[in-house]
Amino acid sequence: MAVEARIRQLGSRHENLDKAIRDELSRPAFDDVRLRDLKRQKLKLKEEMEALRSRPH
């Protein structure tokens, strides 16, 4: 059960980062460095979720 809860928690953070990326892109002069950092964080969360899902139960 703890794995599912962790995946949900990571999924929520992933969605928040997705929103932050969209918000940053909507700015007239968005910050490339911030955008790259947000995307890296989002990818890291996705990879962590995939690793948890692929673990044997």
C-alpha atoms as a PDB file:
ATOM      1  CA  MET A   1       0.000   0.000   0.000  1.00  0.00           C
ATOM      2  CA  ALA A   2       2.849   2.393   0.731  1.00  0.00           C
ATOM      3  CA  VAL A   3       4.086   2.148  -2.863  1.00  0.00           C
ATOM      4  CA  GLU A   4       0.707   3.197  -4.251  1.00  0.00           C
ATOM      5  CA  ALA A   5       0.574   6.139  -1.845  1.00  0.00           C
ATOM      6  CA  ARG A   6       4.068   7.219  -2.891  1.00  0.00           C
ATOM      7  CA  ILE A   7       3.104   6.986  -6.575  1.00  0.00           C
ATOM      8  CA  ARG A   8       0.034   9.143  -5.917  1.00  0.00           C
ATOM      9  CA  GLN A   9       2.165  11.674  -4.057  1.00  0.00           C
ATOM     10  CA  LEU A  10       4.687  11.803  -6.887  1.00  0.00           C
ATOM     11  CA  GLY A  11       1.852  12.056  -9.420  1.00  0.00           C
ATOM     12  CA  SER A  12       0.457  15.064  -7.607  1.00  0.00           C
ATOM     13  CA  ARG A  13       3.857  16.757  -7.604  1.00  0.00           C
ATOM     14  CA  HIS A  14       4.218  15.859 -11.303  1.00  0.00           C
ATOM     15  CA  GLU A  15       0.902  17.580 -12.074  1.00  0.00           C
ATOM     16  CA  ASN A  16       1.953  20.655 -10.086  1.00  0.00           C
ATOM     17  CA  LEU A  17       5.169  20.865 -12.081  1.00  0.00           C
ATOM     18  CA  ASP A  18       3.191  20.502 -15.310  1.00  0.00           C
ATOM     19  CA  LYS A  19       1.070  23.475 -14.280  1.00  0.00           C
ATOM     20  CA  ALA A  20       4.164  25.476 -13.335  1.00  0.00           C
ATOM     21  CA  ILE A  21       5.637  24.739 -16.779  1.00  0.00           C
ATOM     22  CA  ARG A  22       2.455  25.879 -18.509  1.00  0.00           C
ATOM     23  CA  ASP A  23       2.382  29.024 -16.359  1.00  0.00           C
ATOM     24  CA  GLU A  24       6.017  29.791 -17.157  1.00  0.00           C
ATOM     25  CA  LEU A  25       5.436  29.278 -20.886  1.00  0.00           C
ATOM     26  CA  SER A  26       2.466  31.641 -20.810  1.00  0.00           C
ATOM     27  CA  ARG A  27       4.656  34.502 -19.639  1.00  0.00           C
ATOM     28  CA  PRO A  28       5.697  36.900 -22.435  1.00  0.00           C
ATOM     29  CA  ALA A  29       9.391  36.548 -21.556  1.00  0.00           C
ATOM     30  CA  PHE A  30       9.669  33.207 -19.825  1.00  0.00           C
ATOM     31  CA  ASP A  31      12.821  32.181 -18.018  1.00  0.00           C
ATOM     32  CA  ASP A  32      14.656  29.481 -20.000  1.00  0.00           C
ATOM     33  CA  VAL A  33      16.665  28.351 -16.993  1.00  0.00           C
ATOM     34  CA  ARG A  34      13.581  28.025 -14.772  1.00  0.00           C
ATOM     35  CA  LEU A  35      11.720  26.197 -17.515  1.00  0.00           C
ATOM     36  CA  ARG A  36      14.588  23.731 -17.995  1.00  0.00           C
ATOM     37  CA  ASP A  37      14.762  23.148 -14.229  1.00  0.00           C
ATOM     38  CA  LEU A  38      11.015  22.514 -13.992  1.00  0.00           C
ATOM     39  CA  LYS A  39      11.170  20.052 -16.887  1.00  0.00           C
ATOM     40  CA  ARG A  40      14.089  18.195 -15.298  1.00  0.00           C
ATOM     41  CA  GLN A  41      12.202  17.905 -12.016  1.00  0.00           C
ATOM     42  CA  LYS A  42       9.118  16.636 -13.834  1.00  0.00           C
ATOM     43  CA  LEU A  43      11.143  14.032 -15.734  1.00  0.00           C
ATOM     44  CA  LYS A  44      12.828  12.869 -12.524  1.00  0.00           C
ATOM     45  CA  LEU A  45       9.427  12.363 -10.880  1.00  0.00           C
ATOM     46  CA  LYS A  46       8.140  10.465 -13.911  1.00  0.00           C
ATOM     47  CA  GLU A  47      11.169   8.173 -13.851  1.00  0.00           C
ATOM     48  CA  GLU A  48      10.716   7.562 -10.126  1.00  0.00           C
ATOM     49  CA  MET A  49       7.035   6.709 -10.609  1.00  0.00           C
ATOM     50  CA  GLU A  50       7.873   4.309 -13.444  1.00  0.00           C
ATOM     51  CA  ALA A  51      10.536   2.622 -11.328  1.00  0.00           C
ATOM     52  CA  LEU A  52       8.060   2.133  -8.492  1.00  0.00           C
ATOM     53  CA  ARG A  53       5.433   0.737 -10.860  1.00  0.00           C
ATOM     54  CA  SER A  54       7.877  -1.756 -12.363  1.00  0.00           C
ATOM     55  CA  ARG A  55       8.960  -3.170  -8.994  1.00  0.00           C
ATOM     56  CA  PRO A  56       7.680  -6.650  -8.236  1.00  0.00           C
ATOM     57  CA  HIS A  57       4.890  -6.640  -5.642  1.00  0.00           C
END
